[in-house]
Amino acid sequence: MPRLEISPHAEQDLIDIGIYIATRSGSRETARRFLQKVEALCEQLAHNPRMGQLRTEFATCQFRSFSIGAYVIYFQPTKEGIRIARILHGARDHDALL
């Protein structure tokens, strides 16, 4: 089974996303369902690490990205699967955060 590694930054991103969605929607269930969709997509990406768009424009390193709703998952293929680097809202300054 492919390995799915989540960086500390991405873990914090997920917490922040969950809090934001629960607060804005007034429903923890809505936040939970969205986070489950993100988790399922990350598992799918681990099985298919060439999915998504190749992103070479960031100074720190080369990523692949895949969108889910208003968010973008940035990841790097590894020998064992993938490493999720960040999960960012599309309106944020991705250059500054990667």
C-alpha atoms as a PDB file:
ATOM      1  CA  MET A   1       0.000   0.000   0.000  1.00  0.00           C
ATOM      2  CA  PRO A   2       1.415   3.412  -0.941  1.00  0.00           C
ATOM      3  CA  ARG A   3       2.549   5.600   1.900  1.00  0.00           C
ATOM      4  CA  LEU A   4       0.816   8.918   2.562  1.00  0.00           C
ATOM      5  CA  GLU A   5       3.013  11.309   4.523  1.00  0.00           C
ATOM      6  CA  ILE A   6       1.545  14.604   5.743  1.00  0.00           C
ATOM      7  CA  SER A   7       3.873  17.446   6.678  1.00  0.00           C
ATOM      8  CA  PRO A   8       3.347  19.356   9.932  1.00  0.00           C
ATOM      9  CA  HIS A   9       2.326  22.408   7.868  1.00  0.00           C
ATOM     10  CA  ALA A  10      -0.315  20.363   6.018  1.00  0.00           C
ATOM     11  CA  GLU A  11      -1.603  18.934   9.304  1.00  0.00           C
ATOM     12  CA  GLN A  12      -2.055  22.475  10.608  1.00  0.00           C
ATOM     13  CA  ASP A  13      -3.692  23.463   7.304  1.00  0.00           C
ATOM     14  CA  LEU A  14      -6.264  20.682   7.814  1.00  0.00           C
ATOM     15  CA  ILE A  15      -7.001  21.835  11.356  1.00  0.00           C
ATOM     16  CA  ASP A  16      -7.404  25.427  10.196  1.00  0.00           C
ATOM     17  CA  ILE A  17      -9.650  24.382   7.289  1.00  0.00           C
ATOM     18  CA  GLY A  18     -11.842  22.313   9.588  1.00  0.00           C
ATOM     19  CA  ILE A  19     -12.227  25.173  12.058  1.00  0.00           C
ATOM     20  CA  TYR A  20     -12.942  27.657   9.278  1.00  0.00           C
ATOM     21  CA  ILE A  21     -15.597  25.501   7.610  1.00  0.00           C
ATOM     22  CA  ALA A  22     -17.259  24.591  10.925  1.00  0.00           C
ATOM     23  CA  THR A  23     -17.363  28.246  11.950  1.00  0.00           C
ATOM     24  CA  ARG A  24     -18.608  29.579   8.605  1.00  0.00           C
ATOM     25  CA  SER A  25     -21.193  26.841   8.079  1.00  0.00           C
ATOM     26  CA  GLY A  26     -22.203  26.482  11.712  1.00  0.00           C
ATOM     27  CA  SER A  27     -21.787  22.721  11.334  1.00  0.00           C
ATOM     28  CA  ARG A  28     -18.995  20.455  12.496  1.00  0.00           C
ATOM     29  CA  GLU A  29     -20.542  17.756  10.318  1.00  0.00           C
ATOM     30  CA  THR A  30     -20.031  19.860   7.186  1.00  0.00           C
ATOM     31  CA  ALA A  31     -16.378  20.361   8.124  1.00  0.00           C
ATOM     32  CA  ARG A  32     -15.955  16.648   8.887  1.00  0.00           C
ATOM     33  CA  ARG A  33     -17.429  15.636   5.521  1.00  0.00           C
ATOM     34  CA  PHE A  34     -15.129  18.015   3.618  1.00  0.00           C
ATOM     35  CA  LEU A  35     -12.054  16.800   5.507  1.00  0.00           C
ATOM     36  CA  GLN A  36     -13.045  13.205   4.710  1.00  0.00           C
ATOM     37  CA  LYS A  37     -13.174  14.136   1.021  1.00  0.00           C
ATOM     38  CA  VAL A  38      -9.694  15.672   1.296  1.00  0.00           C
ATOM     39  CA  GLU A  39      -8.399  12.523   3.016  1.00  0.00           C
ATOM     40  CA  ALA A  40      -9.907  10.274   0.324  1.00  0.00           C
ATOM     41  CA  LEU A  41      -8.357  12.416  -2.406  1.00  0.00           C
ATOM     42  CA  CYS A  42      -4.957  12.286  -0.698  1.00  0.00           C
ATOM     43  CA  GLU A  43      -5.202   8.475  -0.575  1.00  0.00           C
ATOM     44  CA  GLN A  44      -6.068   8.461  -4.279  1.00  0.00           C
ATOM     45  CA  LEU A  45      -3.071  10.697  -5.001  1.00  0.00           C
ATOM     46  CA  ALA A  46      -0.823   8.313  -3.050  1.00  0.00           C
ATOM     47  CA  HIS A  47      -1.979   5.500  -5.353  1.00  0.00           C
ATOM     48  CA  ASN A  48      -1.552   7.702  -8.441  1.00  0.00           C
ATOM     49  CA  PRO A  49       1.311  10.116  -7.645  1.00  0.00           C
ATOM     50  CA  ARG A  50       1.466  11.464 -11.208  1.00  0.00           C
ATOM     51  CA  MET A  51      -2.054  12.900 -10.926  1.00  0.00           C
ATOM     52  CA  GLY A  52      -2.398  16.618 -10.761  1.00  0.00           C
ATOM     53  CA  GLN A  53      -0.535  19.451 -12.345  1.00  0.00           C
ATOM     54  CA  LEU A  54       3.258  19.612 -12.275  1.00  0.00           C
ATOM     55  CA  ARG A  55       4.257  22.902 -10.621  1.00  0.00           C
ATOM     56  CA  THR A  56       7.788  24.123 -11.283  1.00  0.00           C
ATOM     57  CA  GLU A  57       7.271  27.807 -10.508  1.00  0.00           C
ATOM     58  CA  PHE A  58       8.035  27.652  -6.785  1.00  0.00           C
ATOM     59  CA  ALA A  59      11.543  28.517  -5.629  1.00  0.00           C
ATOM     60  CA  THR A  60      11.680  25.993  -2.779  1.00  0.00           C
ATOM     61  CA  CYS A  61      11.159  22.841  -4.845  1.00  0.00           C
ATOM     62  CA  GLN A  62       9.018  21.137  -7.436  1.00  0.00           C
ATOM     63  CA  PHE A  63       5.472  20.122  -6.495  1.00  0.00           C
ATOM     64  CA  ARG A  64       2.420  18.592  -8.058  1.00  0.00           C
ATOM     65  CA  SER A  65      -0.978  20.075  -7.228  1.00  0.00           C
ATOM     66  CA  PHE A  66      -4.578  18.965  -7.251  1.00  0.00           C
ATOM     67  CA  SER A  67      -7.623  21.092  -6.458  1.00  0.00           C
ATOM     68  CA  ILE A  68     -10.565  20.164  -4.276  1.00  0.00           C
ATOM     69  CA  GLY A  69     -13.228  22.817  -3.946  1.00  0.00           C
ATOM     70  CA  ALA A  70     -11.573  26.138  -3.154  1.00  0.00           C
ATOM     71  CA  TYR A  71      -8.401  24.416  -1.883  1.00  0.00           C
ATOM     72  CA  VAL A  72      -5.209  23.215  -3.538  1.00  0.00           C
ATOM     73  CA  ILE A  73      -3.255  20.202  -2.313  1.00  0.00           C
ATOM     74  CA  TYR A  74       0.491  20.498  -2.945  1.00  0.00           C
ATOM     75  CA  PHE A  75       2.409  17.239  -2.850  1.00  0.00           C
ATOM     76  CA  GLN A  76       5.601  15.534  -3.916  1.00  0.00           C
ATOM     77  CA  PRO A  77       5.839  11.958  -5.140  1.00  0.00           C
ATOM     78  CA  THR A  78       8.200   9.786  -3.074  1.00  0.00           C
ATOM     79  CA  LYS A  79       9.524   6.260  -3.578  1.00  0.00           C
ATOM     80  CA  GLU A  80       6.847   4.936  -1.222  1.00  0.00           C
ATOM     81  CA  GLY A  81       3.895   7.182  -2.201  1.00  0.00           C
ATOM     82  CA  ILE A  82       3.514  10.933  -1.672  1.00  0.00           C
ATOM     83  CA  ARG A  83       4.246  13.671   0.840  1.00  0.00           C
ATOM     84  CA  ILE A  84       1.559  16.318   1.274  1.00  0.00           C
ATOM     85  CA  ALA A  85       3.373  19.645   1.718  1.00  0.00           C
ATOM     86  CA  ARG A  86       0.441  22.091   2.082  1.00  0.00           C
ATOM     87  CA  ILE A  87      -3.307  22.364   1.600  1.00  0.00           C
ATOM     88  CA  LEU A  88      -4.071  25.997   0.826  1.00  0.00           C
ATOM     89  CA  HIS A  89      -7.118  28.045  -0.065  1.00  0.00           C
ATOM     90  CA  GLY A  90      -6.904  29.218  -3.662  1.00  0.00           C
ATOM     91  CA  ALA A  91      -6.995  32.894  -2.639  1.00  0.00           C
ATOM     92  CA  ARG A  92      -3.874  32.683  -0.471  1.00  0.00           C
ATOM     93  CA  ASP A  93      -0.365  33.657  -1.585  1.00  0.00           C
ATOM     94  CA  HIS A  94       0.972  30.210  -2.433  1.00  0.00           C
ATOM     95  CA  ASP A  95       4.414  31.506  -3.399  1.00  0.00           C
ATOM     96  CA  ALA A  96       4.959  32.887   0.089  1.00  0.00           C
ATOM     97  CA  LEU A  97       3.770  29.671   1.792  1.00  0.00           C
ATOM     98  CA  LEU A  98       5.659  27.040  -0.209  1.00  0.00           C
END
